[in-house]
Amino acid sequence: MNDGKYLDEEEKDLAESLKSIDIQNISKPTAERQKMFKSAAREFIKKETKMNIRIDEFELEKIKEFADSEGLKYQTFVKSVLHKYITGQLVDKRKIS
């Protein structure tokens, strides 16, 4: 799936630190802690907004091809591209003739 080439430094550090966690020895969170996690997740989801756009059929097919090559659903791929563009992380590595 993702080999790390699209991660920023913070994400790379996080991914690296996750490798050192022994998941066999992690205890189940308490009911109170689970409730806190669920509440935080609901709050995060509430902050997202839906967006509808009209797009040319050919362009949508190309987007789906790019998404598939990244192992992503096309909506997730579009969201990722927009996020990278807005944060200045989007770099086009294709050679344009």
Protein backbone atom coordinates (compact mmCIF):
# COMPACT_ATOMS: atom_id res chain seq x y z
CA MET A 1 0.00 0.00 0.00
CA ASN A 2 1.86 3.13 1.21
CA ASP A 3 5.65 2.76 1.28
CA GLY A 4 6.14 6.05 3.13
CA LYS A 5 7.08 8.24 0.18
CA TYR A 6 4.05 10.49 0.71
CA LEU A 7 4.48 10.93 4.48
CA ASP A 8 5.74 14.15 6.03
CA GLU A 9 8.45 14.00 8.72
CA GLU A 10 5.98 13.88 11.62
CA GLU A 11 4.07 11.02 9.99
CA LYS A 12 7.33 9.15 9.29
CA ASP A 13 8.39 9.53 12.94
CA LEU A 14 5.00 8.27 14.11
CA ALA A 15 5.11 5.28 11.74
CA GLU A 16 8.62 4.43 12.95
CA SER A 17 7.65 4.66 16.63
CA LEU A 18 4.65 2.37 16.04
CA LYS A 19 7.04 -0.40 14.97
CA SER A 20 8.44 -0.60 18.51
CA ILE A 21 5.06 -1.26 20.16
CA ASP A 22 4.48 -4.81 21.38
CA ILE A 23 0.77 -5.19 20.62
CA GLN A 24 0.62 -8.55 22.43
CA ASN A 25 1.15 -6.78 25.77
CA ILE A 26 -1.31 -3.90 25.34
CA SER A 27 -4.18 -4.07 27.80
CA LYS A 28 -7.75 -3.27 26.83
CA PRO A 29 -8.70 0.34 27.70
CA THR A 30 -11.08 0.85 30.61
CA ALA A 31 -14.75 1.50 29.84
CA GLU A 32 -14.22 5.16 30.76
CA ARG A 33 -11.24 5.48 28.41
CA GLN A 34 -13.19 3.75 25.60
CA LYS A 35 -16.00 6.24 26.12
CA MET A 36 -13.49 9.10 25.83
CA PHE A 37 -12.07 7.69 22.57
CA LYS A 38 -15.54 7.25 21.07
CA SER A 39 -16.48 10.80 22.02
CA ALA A 40 -13.29 12.17 20.45
CA ALA A 41 -13.97 10.19 17.25
CA ARG A 42 -17.53 11.54 17.04
CA GLU A 43 -16.27 15.11 17.50
CA PHE A 44 -13.71 14.62 14.74
CA ILE A 45 -16.29 13.28 12.31
CA LYS A 46 -18.62 16.20 13.05
CA LYS A 47 -15.90 18.61 11.87
CA GLU A 48 -15.84 17.16 8.37
CA THR A 49 -18.12 18.63 5.74
CA LYS A 50 -19.41 16.96 2.59
CA MET A 51 -18.69 18.52 -0.78
CA ASN A 52 -20.36 17.75 -4.11
CA ILE A 53 -18.74 18.66 -7.42
CA ARG A 54 -19.48 18.06 -11.06
CA ILE A 55 -16.60 16.51 -12.98
CA ASP A 56 -16.01 15.31 -16.51
CA GLU A 57 -16.43 11.54 -16.88
CA PHE A 58 -12.95 11.15 -18.42
CA GLU A 59 -11.35 13.04 -15.51
CA LEU A 60 -13.21 10.91 -12.97
CA GLU A 61 -11.95 7.73 -14.65
CA LYS A 62 -8.37 9.08 -14.53
CA ILE A 63 -8.82 9.94 -10.84
CA LYS A 64 -10.06 6.40 -10.18
CA GLU A 65 -7.02 4.98 -12.00
CA PHE A 66 -4.62 7.10 -9.91
CA ALA A 67 -6.48 6.15 -6.73
CA ASP A 68 -6.34 2.46 -7.61
CA SER A 69 -2.59 2.68 -8.25
CA GLU A 70 -2.21 4.12 -4.72
CA GLY A 71 -4.49 1.47 -3.20
CA LEU A 72 -7.10 4.05 -2.22
CA LYS A 73 -10.78 4.66 -2.85
CA TYR A 74 -11.14 7.56 -5.24
CA GLN A 75 -12.88 9.83 -2.71
CA THR A 76 -10.03 9.27 -0.24
CA PHE A 77 -7.52 9.95 -3.01
CA VAL A 78 -9.19 13.25 -3.94
CA LYS A 79 -9.32 14.30 -0.28
CA SER A 80 -5.61 13.45 0.06
CA VAL A 81 -4.67 15.44 -3.05
CA LEU A 82 -6.64 18.46 -1.85
CA HIS A 83 -5.06 18.24 1.61
CA LYS A 84 -1.55 18.01 0.12
CA TYR A 85 -2.22 20.94 -2.21
CA ILE A 86 -3.55 23.15 0.57
CA THR A 87 -0.64 22.30 2.89
CA GLY A 88 2.00 22.77 0.18
CA GLN A 89 2.97 19.08 0.14
CA LEU A 90 1.71 18.30 -3.36
CA VAL A 91 4.56 17.69 -5.78
CA ASP A 92 3.99 16.51 -9.33
CA LYS A 93 6.79 14.05 -10.10
CA ARG A 94 5.56 13.18 -13.60
CA LYS A 95 7.54 14.45 -16.54
CA ILE A 96 5.32 16.60 -18.70
CA SER A 97 6.35 16.76 -22.36
